[in-house]
């Protein structure tokens, strides 16, 4: 999993370019190009591993909170 900015500048978390496609797009925008691996502290905040995310009803909100760190760089 990695953080990245899409073509429109929105921060995303996903597996872009890997075997299983997974993506969460946030409403957080940046003017900088972002491409960074998901950090252990991000996983700790989310509280579950990617294979369990389909059952996490709060995942979008958690990802949006974490994505704010990229808008403040």
Protein backbone atom coordinates (compact mmCIF):
# COMPACT_ATOMS: atom_id res chain seq x y z
CA UNK A 1 0.00 0.00 0.00
CA UNK A 2 1.18 3.47 -0.76
CA UNK A 3 0.12 7.08 -0.55
CA UNK A 4 0.10 8.95 -3.84
CA UNK A 5 -1.42 11.97 -5.49
CA UNK A 6 -3.64 11.34 -8.50
CA UNK A 7 -3.75 13.39 -11.72
CA UNK A 8 -6.12 15.90 -10.09
CA UNK A 9 -3.91 16.39 -7.02
CA UNK A 10 -6.06 14.40 -4.59
CA UNK A 11 -4.28 12.23 -2.03
CA UNK A 12 -5.00 8.52 -2.45
CA UNK A 13 -4.12 5.37 -0.58
CA UNK A 14 -3.93 2.25 -2.66
CA UNK A 15 -2.16 -0.51 -4.47
CA UNK A 16 -1.82 1.32 -7.78
CA UNK A 17 -0.09 -0.84 -10.35
CA UNK A 18 -0.17 -4.04 -8.30
CA UNK A 19 -2.06 -7.30 -8.82
CA UNK A 20 -5.19 -6.43 -6.86
CA UNK A 21 -6.41 -2.90 -7.46
CA UNK A 22 -7.40 -1.02 -4.32
CA UNK A 23 -7.81 2.72 -3.94
CA UNK A 24 -9.29 5.21 -1.52
CA UNK A 25 -9.39 8.76 -2.85
CA UNK A 26 -9.61 11.50 -0.25
CA UNK A 27 -10.91 15.07 -0.61
CA UNK A 28 -7.45 16.29 0.49
CA UNK A 29 -5.61 18.12 -2.31
CA UNK A 30 -1.94 18.95 -2.68
CA UNK A 31 0.17 20.75 -5.24
CA UNK A 32 3.13 18.45 -4.55
CA UNK A 33 3.57 15.00 -6.08
CA UNK A 34 3.13 12.38 -3.37
CA UNK A 35 4.41 8.82 -3.55
CA UNK A 36 5.20 7.21 -0.21
CA UNK A 37 4.78 3.79 1.35
CA UNK A 38 2.15 3.32 4.03
CA UNK A 39 4.03 3.76 7.32
CA UNK A 40 3.69 1.44 10.33
CA UNK A 41 2.23 4.31 12.37
CA UNK A 42 -0.46 4.77 9.68
CA UNK A 43 -1.41 1.10 10.02
CA UNK A 44 -1.47 1.48 13.80
CA UNK A 45 -3.86 4.44 13.50
CA UNK A 46 -6.13 2.56 11.08
CA UNK A 47 -6.10 -0.38 13.49
CA UNK A 48 -6.36 -3.15 10.93
CA UNK A 49 -4.46 -4.65 8.02
CA UNK A 50 -5.39 -4.13 4.35
CA UNK A 51 -6.96 -7.58 4.06
CA UNK A 52 -9.51 -6.52 6.73
CA UNK A 53 -10.31 -3.07 5.35
CA UNK A 54 -13.41 -4.19 3.46
CA UNK A 55 -15.06 -4.76 6.85
CA UNK A 56 -13.93 -1.45 8.42
CA UNK A 57 -16.85 0.98 8.18
CA UNK A 58 -14.66 3.86 9.45
CA UNK A 59 -11.80 3.33 7.00
CA UNK A 60 -12.56 6.32 4.76
CA UNK A 61 -12.61 8.71 7.75
CA UNK A 62 -9.35 7.29 9.14
CA UNK A 63 -7.60 7.60 5.77
CA UNK A 64 -8.79 11.20 5.41
CA UNK A 65 -7.32 12.10 8.81
CA UNK A 66 -3.99 10.52 7.87
CA UNK A 67 -3.95 12.17 4.42
CA UNK A 68 -4.01 15.62 6.01
CA UNK A 69 -0.29 15.28 6.75
CA UNK A 70 0.39 15.65 3.02
CA UNK A 71 -1.57 18.88 2.68
CA UNK A 72 0.59 20.47 5.40
CA UNK A 73 3.97 19.81 3.77
